Amino acid sequence: MTKRSSRAVSVHSDTPDRGKVQSLFGAGWDPLSEKREQSYVRKIQPRSPNQQKFLTAIADHSLTLAIGPAGTGKTYLAVSAAVEALEAGRIERIVLSRPAIGAGESLGYLPGDMMEKMAPYLRPLYDCLTDRLGGKRLRALMEEGDIEIAPIGFMRGRTLNNAFVVIDEAQNCTYAQMKMLLTRLGWHSTMVITGDPEQSDLLDGMSGLSDIARRLETLTGIAVVRLEDRDIVRHPLVGAMLGVL
């Protein structure tokens, strides 16, 4: 596999709220000044020590679990690491998956076939990839089979070699589903599992994420990274709200 070439363009803009955002996050980062062309963001930077720990864990381990609240960059960092690995030629393909459960809704009311019904659930993964690659290039890579986005149910029976696998929203997976997904890991592959046990849409006691993380945390070669409210990089109010909700 040859290394793909890309470019990055950074555009800065001023807004009345910029000073407020900088004061809450520190002078080192202002998300409002990071408007980029949607072609490719060449190198991402962690915004907290725990985010740096997460990226380091991905680089050093074949299996990493990232557990933490919404807005801590779990999905974005995992997808970004996958894109960088593909660009560098360290893996042959990216496989992204998440369960078809969300906010108490069901698939039945949605129009279309199964894949069309799944589209809203997989959209966050498309958004991350579009931000990192641009829409046109993402479509080309998906047509070539270099990037695959699939629901959890489509993962059974597969062995994923030479791949970077991201399992997102894993708090909505049962213990049996988590066990099935973990055993998909093949040779020369990296797997990252992300989720927030506090936001499971399953019935109480059905989510397998916390139990799996506890069991695997003691094993050599597996990293469990726990992000916190202070790692949230969305609007400052997100962290404040999660602290009281």
Protein backbone atom coordinates (compact mmCIF):
# COMPACT_ATOMS: atom_id res chain seq x y z
CA MET A 1 0.00 0.00 0.00
CA THR A 2 1.32 3.39 -0.91
CA LYS A 3 1.00 6.36 1.37
CA ARG A 4 -1.74 8.73 0.34
CA SER A 5 -1.07 12.45 0.00
CA SER A 6 -3.29 15.16 1.45
CA ARG A 7 -3.27 18.77 2.53
CA ALA A 8 -4.54 20.90 5.38
CA VAL A 9 -5.76 24.49 5.38
CA SER A 10 -6.34 26.48 8.57
CA VAL A 11 -8.64 29.51 8.64
CA HIS A 12 -8.92 31.75 11.71
CA SER A 13 -11.91 33.93 12.46
CA ASP A 14 -12.83 36.28 15.28
CA THR A 15 -16.11 36.12 17.21
CA PRO A 16 -17.42 38.08 20.24
CA ASP A 17 -17.42 34.91 22.36
CA ARG A 18 -13.83 33.92 21.67
CA GLY A 19 -12.49 35.48 24.86
CA LYS A 20 -15.07 33.66 26.96
CA VAL A 21 -14.18 30.30 25.43
CA GLN A 22 -10.45 30.89 25.88
CA SER A 23 -10.91 31.86 29.51
CA LEU A 24 -12.79 28.61 30.20
CA PHE A 25 -10.44 26.30 28.33
CA GLY A 26 -7.18 28.17 28.82
CA ALA A 27 -5.31 30.41 26.44
CA GLY A 28 -3.83 27.45 24.56
CA TRP A 29 -6.97 26.46 22.69
CA ASP A 30 -9.90 28.23 21.11
CA PRO A 31 -12.22 25.88 19.15
CA LEU A 32 -13.79 28.83 17.34
CA SER A 33 -10.45 29.64 15.72
CA GLU A 34 -10.00 26.13 14.31
CA LYS A 35 -12.25 26.34 11.26
CA ARG A 36 -10.60 24.21 8.61
CA GLU A 37 -11.34 23.24 5.07
CA GLN A 38 -13.07 19.86 5.12
CA SER A 39 -10.29 18.15 3.18
CA TYR A 40 -7.94 16.82 5.80
CA VAL A 41 -6.70 17.74 9.26
CA ARG A 42 -3.16 16.42 9.11
CA LYS A 43 -2.34 16.20 12.79
CA ILE A 44 -4.66 16.37 15.78
CA GLN A 45 -3.55 17.60 19.18
CA PRO A 46 -4.82 16.23 22.52
CA ARG A 47 -6.52 18.86 24.68
CA SER A 48 -5.90 17.26 28.07
CA PRO A 49 -3.49 14.81 29.76
CA ASN A 50 -6.12 12.07 29.60
CA GLN A 51 -6.62 12.61 25.87
CA GLN A 52 -2.85 12.33 25.44
CA LYS A 53 -2.93 9.14 27.51
CA PHE A 54 -5.66 7.83 25.21
CA LEU A 55 -3.66 8.49 22.03
CA THR A 56 -0.54 6.98 23.56
CA ALA A 57 -2.49 3.89 24.59
CA ILE A 58 -3.77 3.46 21.03
CA ALA A 59 -0.23 3.66 19.69
CA ASP A 60 1.15 1.18 22.22
CA HIS A 61 -1.63 -1.41 22.49
CA SER A 62 -3.56 -3.66 20.13
CA LEU A 63 -6.72 -3.15 22.19
CA THR A 64 -7.75 0.07 23.96
CA LEU A 65 -10.98 0.86 25.79
CA ALA A 66 -11.85 4.53 26.29
CA ILE A 67 -14.53 5.15 28.89
CA GLY A 68 -15.82 8.60 29.70
CA PRO A 69 -18.61 11.16 29.44
CA ALA A 70 -19.95 12.75 26.27
CA GLY A 71 -17.76 15.39 24.67
CA THR A 72 -14.38 14.03 25.78
CA GLY A 73 -13.30 13.29 22.20
CA LYS A 74 -13.41 9.50 22.44
CA THR A 75 -14.87 8.88 18.99
CA TYR A 76 -13.04 11.72 17.25
CA LEU A 77 -9.63 10.74 18.62
CA ALA A 78 -10.18 7.06 17.80
CA VAL A 79 -11.29 7.79 14.23
CA SER A 80 -8.43 10.27 13.79
CA ALA A 81 -5.91 7.66 14.93
CA ALA A 82 -7.45 5.21 12.47
CA VAL A 83 -7.13 7.70 9.60
CA GLU A 84 -3.50 8.42 10.48
CA ALA A 85 -2.72 4.68 10.53
CA LEU A 86 -4.34 4.23 7.12
CA GLU A 87 -2.51 7.23 5.69
CA ALA A 88 0.81 5.92 7.00
CA GLY A 89 0.21 2.49 5.49
CA ARG A 90 0.35 0.73 8.87
CA ILE A 91 -3.02 -0.93 8.22
CA GLU A 92 -4.98 -1.81 5.09
CA ARG A 93 -8.47 -0.75 6.09
CA ILE A 94 -10.61 0.95 8.70
CA VAL A 95 -13.67 -0.79 10.10
CA LEU A 96 -16.07 1.32 12.17
CA SER A 97 -19.10 -0.07 13.96
CA ARG A 98 -21.74 0.92 16.49
CA PRO A 99 -24.98 -0.62 17.79
CA ALA A 100 -28.35 0.24 16.26
CA ILE A 101 -29.77 1.60 19.49
CA GLY A 102 -30.26 5.24 20.38
CA ALA A 103 -32.32 7.47 22.65
CA GLY A 104 -35.12 4.96 23.09
CA GLU A 105 -36.01 4.98 19.39
CA SER A 106 -36.54 1.90 17.21
CA LEU A 107 -35.62 1.16 13.60
CA GLY A 108 -39.16 0.27 12.61
CA TYR A 109 -40.47 3.80 12.11
CA LEU A 110 -37.64 4.77 9.76
CA PRO A 111 -38.20 4.49 5.98
CA GLY A 112 -36.03 2.42 3.63
CA ASP A 113 -34.12 -0.85 3.76
CA MET A 114 -31.90 -1.95 6.66
CA MET A 115 -28.85 0.10 5.62
CA GLU A 116 -31.02 3.19 5.08
CA LYS A 117 -32.54 2.66 8.51
CA MET A 118 -29.04 2.36 9.99
CA ALA A 119 -27.79 5.60 8.42
CA PRO A 120 -28.87 7.93 11.29
CA TYR A 121 -27.10 5.73 13.85
CA LEU A 122 -23.89 5.63 11.83
CA ARG A 123 -23.95 9.35 10.98
CA PRO A 124 -21.60 10.41 13.83
CA LEU A 125 -18.91 8.15 12.36
CA TYR A 126 -19.43 9.66 8.90
CA ASP A 127 -19.13 13.12 10.43
CA CYS A 128 -15.78 12.31 12.06
CA LEU A 129 -14.43 10.81 8.85
CA THR A 130 -15.66 13.74 6.75
CA ASP A 131 -13.92 16.17 9.08
CA ARG A 132 -10.67 14.23 8.75
CA LEU A 133 -10.81 13.35 5.06
CA GLY A 134 -13.40 15.47 3.27
CA GLY A 135 -16.56 14.08 1.72
CA LYS A 136 -15.20 13.36 -1.75
CA ARG A 137 -12.16 11.46 -0.54
CA LEU A 138 -14.20 9.56 2.04
CA ARG A 139 -16.57 8.33 -0.66
CA ALA A 140 -13.62 7.19 -2.78
CA LEU A 141 -12.04 5.28 0.11
CA MET A 142 -15.36 3.61 0.94
CA GLU A 143 -15.88 2.61 -2.68
CA GLU A 144 -12.38 1.09 -2.70
CA GLY A 145 -13.15 -0.83 0.49
CA ASP A 146 -10.45 0.94 2.50
CA ILE A 147 -13.09 2.24 4.93
CA GLU A 148 -16.10 0.22 6.05
CA ILE A 149 -18.90 1.38 8.35
CA ALA A 150 -21.15 -1.40 9.61
CA PRO A 151 -23.68 -2.10 12.37
CA ILE A 152 -22.67 -4.43 15.20
CA GLY A 153 -24.81 -7.28 13.87
CA PHE A 154 -22.75 -7.41 10.67
CA MET A 155 -19.52 -8.15 12.59
CA ARG A 156 -20.31 -11.70 13.69
CA GLY A 157 -18.17 -14.44 12.16
CA ARG A 158 -15.48 -12.10 10.83
CA THR A 159 -11.74 -11.99 11.53
CA LEU A 160 -10.34 -8.49 10.99
CA ASN A 161 -6.67 -8.69 9.96
CA ASN A 162 -4.51 -5.69 9.05
CA ALA A 163 -7.29 -3.37 10.16
CA PHE A 164 -8.00 -0.51 12.55
CA VAL A 165 -11.33 -1.30 14.21
CA VAL A 166 -13.34 1.28 16.16
CA ILE A 167 -16.40 0.16 18.14
CA ASP A 168 -18.32 3.29 19.12
CA GLU A 169 -21.14 3.73 21.68
CA ALA A 170 -20.18 0.40 23.25
CA GLN A 171 -22.31 1.15 26.32
CA ASN A 172 -25.22 0.00 24.16
CA CYS A 173 -23.68 -3.45 23.68
CA THR A 174 -24.54 -6.39 25.90
CA TYR A 175 -21.83 -8.53 27.48
CA ALA A 176 -22.34 -11.19 24.78
CA GLN A 177 -22.04 -8.60 22.01
CA MET A 178 -18.89 -7.16 23.57
CA LYS A 179 -17.34 -10.63 23.79
CA MET A 180 -18.20 -11.28 20.14
CA LEU A 181 -16.67 -7.97 19.05
CA LEU A 182 -13.47 -8.45 21.02
CA THR A 183 -12.87 -11.81 19.38
CA ARG A 184 -13.00 -10.22 15.90
CA LEU A 185 -9.47 -8.84 16.47
CA GLY A 186 -7.05 -10.34 13.96
CA TRP A 187 -3.34 -10.18 13.19
CA HIS A 188 -1.62 -6.82 12.76
CA SER A 189 -4.78 -5.01 13.83
CA THR A 190 -5.73 -2.35 16.36
CA MET A 191 -9.09 -2.18 18.08
CA VAL A 192 -10.46 0.79 20.01
CA ILE A 193 -13.71 0.56 21.97
CA THR A 194 -15.37 3.75 23.20
CA GLY A 195 -18.39 4.40 25.36
CA ASP A 196 -20.00 6.08 28.34
CA PRO A 197 -21.58 3.62 30.82
CA GLU A 198 -23.66 6.48 32.25
CA GLN A 199 -25.52 6.94 28.95
CA SER A 200 -26.60 3.42 28.05
CA ASP A 201 -29.92 3.08 26.23
CA LEU A 202 -30.24 -0.55 27.35
CA LEU A 203 -32.22 -1.69 30.35
CA ASP A 204 -30.40 -1.50 33.68
CA GLY A 205 -27.80 -4.22 34.03
CA MET A 206 -27.73 -5.17 30.34
CA SER A 207 -24.74 -3.11 29.21
CA GLY A 208 -21.53 -5.12 29.18
CA LEU A 209 -19.04 -2.28 28.80
CA SER A 210 -18.18 -1.65 32.46
CA ASP A 211 -17.87 -5.36 33.27
CA ILE A 212 -15.70 -6.02 30.22
CA ALA A 213 -13.44 -3.06 31.04
CA ARG A 214 -13.03 -4.24 34.64
CA ARG A 215 -12.11 -7.76 33.55
CA LEU A 216 -9.66 -6.68 30.83
CA GLU A 217 -7.95 -3.90 32.77
CA THR A 218 -5.58 -6.36 34.47
CA LEU A 219 -4.36 -7.98 31.24
CA THR A 220 -1.03 -7.09 29.68
CA GLY A 221 -1.31 -5.57 26.22
CA ILE A 222 -4.72 -4.04 26.84
CA ALA A 223 -5.25 -0.42 27.92
CA VAL A 224 -8.32 0.98 29.66
CA VAL A 225 -8.35 4.80 29.62
CA ARG A 226 -10.89 6.61 31.76
CA LEU A 227 -11.70 10.16 30.70
CA GLU A 228 -13.40 12.64 33.02
CA ASP A 229 -15.58 15.75 32.95
CA ARG A 230 -12.46 17.92 32.83
CA ASP A 231 -11.56 16.32 29.46
CA ILE A 232 -14.74 17.58 27.77
CA VAL A 233 -13.95 19.72 24.74
CA ARG A 234 -17.47 20.62 23.62
CA HIS A 235 -19.22 23.77 24.78
CA PRO A 236 -18.13 24.57 28.38
CA LEU A 237 -21.71 24.15 29.57
CA VAL A 238 -21.63 20.45 28.64
CA GLY A 239 -19.17 19.73 31.43
CA ALA A 240 -21.09 21.91 33.86
CA MET A 241 -24.38 20.16 33.07
CA LEU A 242 -22.94 16.67 33.36
CA GLY A 243 -21.62 17.62 36.77
CA VAL A 244 -25.15 18.15 38.12
CA LEU A 245 -27.31 15.83 35.97
